[in-house]
């Protein structure tokens, strides 16, 4: 065998070994492998910011604060609901006082939530109290 052929063979063998290792590593870190063979979908965050009408009473707002998180108990696919009131010193909230963040298992869970009877019943209670609402969704 000529020295050039030996060197080319060694380079080819090294390249194949590196490529094989890369493929094994890529397979090991893939979402399918890490989830036991099932492809995982990213969770989705559904952010709802509320600006209440001036005439909405403190008791009505307290009822919304109580009812919104309870949707998690009756609607499948909700991972968590957290909420809070604005406390920013910047004064840029444009009258929005409340923010609710609903985390869904995936897009399909969010899509099932929107027309869900329990969600729509909650919206029917909420709507007459709201001057404005801002909704923003993103995948995690």
Protein backbone atom coordinates (compact mmCIF):
# COMPACT_ATOMS: atom_id res chain seq x y z
CA UNK A 1 0.00 0.00 0.00
CA UNK A 2 1.24 3.47 -0.79
CA UNK A 3 1.68 6.05 2.03
CA UNK A 4 -0.91 8.39 0.46
CA UNK A 5 -3.57 5.67 0.38
CA UNK A 6 -2.91 4.83 4.04
CA UNK A 7 -3.31 8.48 5.05
CA UNK A 8 -6.54 8.86 3.05
CA UNK A 9 -7.91 5.66 4.59
CA UNK A 10 -7.10 6.91 8.07
CA UNK A 11 -8.79 10.27 7.39
CA UNK A 12 -11.86 8.48 6.03
CA UNK A 13 -12.02 6.18 9.07
CA UNK A 14 -11.66 9.14 11.45
CA UNK A 15 -14.35 11.10 9.58
CA UNK A 16 -16.75 8.14 9.75
CA UNK A 17 -16.06 7.68 13.47
CA UNK A 18 -16.70 11.38 14.18
CA UNK A 19 -19.87 11.35 12.09
CA UNK A 20 -21.11 8.22 13.87
CA UNK A 21 -20.46 9.79 17.27
CA UNK A 22 -22.28 12.95 16.22
CA UNK A 23 -25.31 10.94 15.08
CA UNK A 24 -25.42 9.00 18.36
CA UNK A 25 -25.15 12.24 20.36
CA UNK A 26 -27.90 13.91 18.30
CA UNK A 27 -30.16 10.90 18.85
CA UNK A 28 -29.46 10.94 22.61
CA UNK A 29 -30.48 14.58 23.06
CA UNK A 30 -33.49 14.54 20.73
CA UNK A 31 -36.92 15.27 22.26
CA UNK A 32 -38.15 11.85 21.16
CA UNK A 33 -35.38 10.07 23.08
CA UNK A 34 -35.71 12.20 26.20
CA UNK A 35 -39.47 11.67 26.43
CA UNK A 36 -39.34 7.88 26.25
CA UNK A 37 -40.03 7.71 22.52
CA UNK A 38 -42.83 10.25 22.42
CA UNK A 39 -42.25 13.56 20.68
CA UNK A 40 -42.79 16.39 23.15
CA UNK A 41 -44.49 19.63 22.21
CA UNK A 42 -43.55 22.91 23.82
CA UNK A 43 -45.82 24.29 26.48
CA UNK A 44 -47.70 27.46 25.66
CA UNK A 45 -48.11 30.51 27.86
CA UNK A 46 -51.38 32.41 27.52
CA UNK A 47 -51.07 35.88 29.07
CA UNK A 48 -54.27 37.80 29.80
CA UNK A 49 -54.05 41.40 31.04
CA UNK A 50 -57.23 43.08 32.25
CA UNK A 51 -58.34 46.69 32.56
CA UNK A 52 -61.52 46.82 34.63
CA UNK A 53 -64.25 49.39 34.10
CA UNK A 54 -64.13 52.20 36.64
CA UNK A 55 -67.51 51.16 38.06
CA UNK A 56 -66.40 47.57 38.72
CA UNK A 57 -66.52 47.03 42.48
CA UNK A 58 -63.73 45.58 44.62
CA UNK A 59 -65.98 42.59 45.40
CA UNK A 60 -66.53 41.88 41.69
CA UNK A 61 -62.78 42.05 41.05
CA UNK A 62 -62.13 39.73 44.00
CA UNK A 63 -64.59 37.24 42.51
CA UNK A 64 -62.67 37.27 39.20
CA UNK A 65 -59.39 36.81 41.08
CA UNK A 66 -60.93 33.75 42.76
CA UNK A 67 -62.67 32.23 39.72
CA UNK A 68 -59.98 32.55 37.05
CA UNK A 69 -57.45 30.20 38.76
CA UNK A 70 -60.21 27.65 39.45
CA UNK A 71 -60.50 27.01 35.69
CA UNK A 72 -57.48 24.74 36.11
CA UNK A 73 -59.60 22.36 38.20
CA UNK A 74 -62.15 21.78 35.45
CA UNK A 75 -60.26 22.16 32.14
CA UNK A 76 -57.79 19.49 31.09
CA UNK A 77 -54.44 20.58 29.71
CA UNK A 78 -53.88 23.54 32.02
CA UNK A 79 -50.53 23.05 33.76
CA UNK A 80 -50.77 26.14 35.96
CA UNK A 81 -52.44 29.51 36.42
CA UNK A 82 -50.69 32.34 38.18
CA UNK A 83 -51.74 35.94 38.50
CA UNK A 84 -50.95 39.24 40.08
CA UNK A 85 -51.74 42.92 40.10
CA UNK A 86 -49.57 45.63 38.63
CA UNK A 87 -46.98 47.06 40.99
CA UNK A 88 -44.64 48.67 38.49
CA UNK A 89 -43.42 52.14 39.49
CA UNK A 90 -43.01 53.08 35.80
CA UNK A 91 -46.66 53.99 35.22
CA UNK A 92 -46.72 52.31 31.80
CA UNK A 93 -49.51 49.81 32.47
CA UNK A 94 -52.08 51.92 30.56
CA UNK A 95 -54.76 51.17 33.15
CA UNK A 96 -54.29 47.38 33.06
CA UNK A 97 -54.31 46.23 36.66
CA UNK A 98 -54.38 42.42 36.53
CA UNK A 99 -52.30 39.82 34.69
CA UNK A 100 -53.15 36.12 34.52
CA UNK A 101 -50.68 33.65 33.03
CA UNK A 102 -52.12 30.30 31.99
CA UNK A 103 -49.60 27.61 31.08
CA UNK A 104 -50.96 24.89 28.80
CA UNK A 105 -49.48 21.46 28.13
CA UNK A 106 -49.30 22.31 24.41
CA UNK A 107 -51.04 24.24 21.63
CA UNK A 108 -53.81 21.65 21.38
CA UNK A 109 -54.67 22.14 25.07
CA UNK A 110 -54.90 25.91 24.55
CA UNK A 111 -57.02 25.41 21.45
CA UNK A 112 -59.41 23.17 23.42
CA UNK A 113 -59.56 25.69 26.30
CA UNK A 114 -60.71 28.67 24.24
CA UNK A 115 -64.17 27.29 23.29
CA UNK A 116 -64.51 25.17 26.47
CA UNK A 117 -67.89 25.69 28.18
CA UNK A 118 -66.31 26.50 31.57
CA UNK A 119 -64.00 29.10 29.99
CA UNK A 120 -66.87 30.65 28.03
CA UNK A 121 -69.04 30.80 31.18
CA UNK A 122 -66.19 32.62 32.95
CA UNK A 123 -65.81 35.04 30.02
CA UNK A 124 -69.56 35.77 30.20
CA UNK A 125 -69.15 36.80 33.85
CA UNK A 126 -65.98 38.79 33.17
CA UNK A 127 -66.97 40.67 30.00
CA UNK A 128 -69.38 43.21 31.55
CA UNK A 129 -66.64 44.32 33.98
CA UNK A 130 -63.87 44.85 31.43
CA UNK A 131 -62.92 48.06 29.69
CA UNK A 132 -60.10 46.37 27.79
CA UNK A 133 -58.21 43.08 27.58
CA UNK A 134 -54.82 42.22 26.17
CA UNK A 135 -53.94 38.61 25.28
CA UNK A 136 -50.53 37.33 24.21
CA UNK A 137 -49.53 33.70 23.68
CA UNK A 138 -46.07 32.21 23.19
CA UNK A 139 -44.45 28.79 23.28
CA UNK A 140 -41.91 27.94 25.96
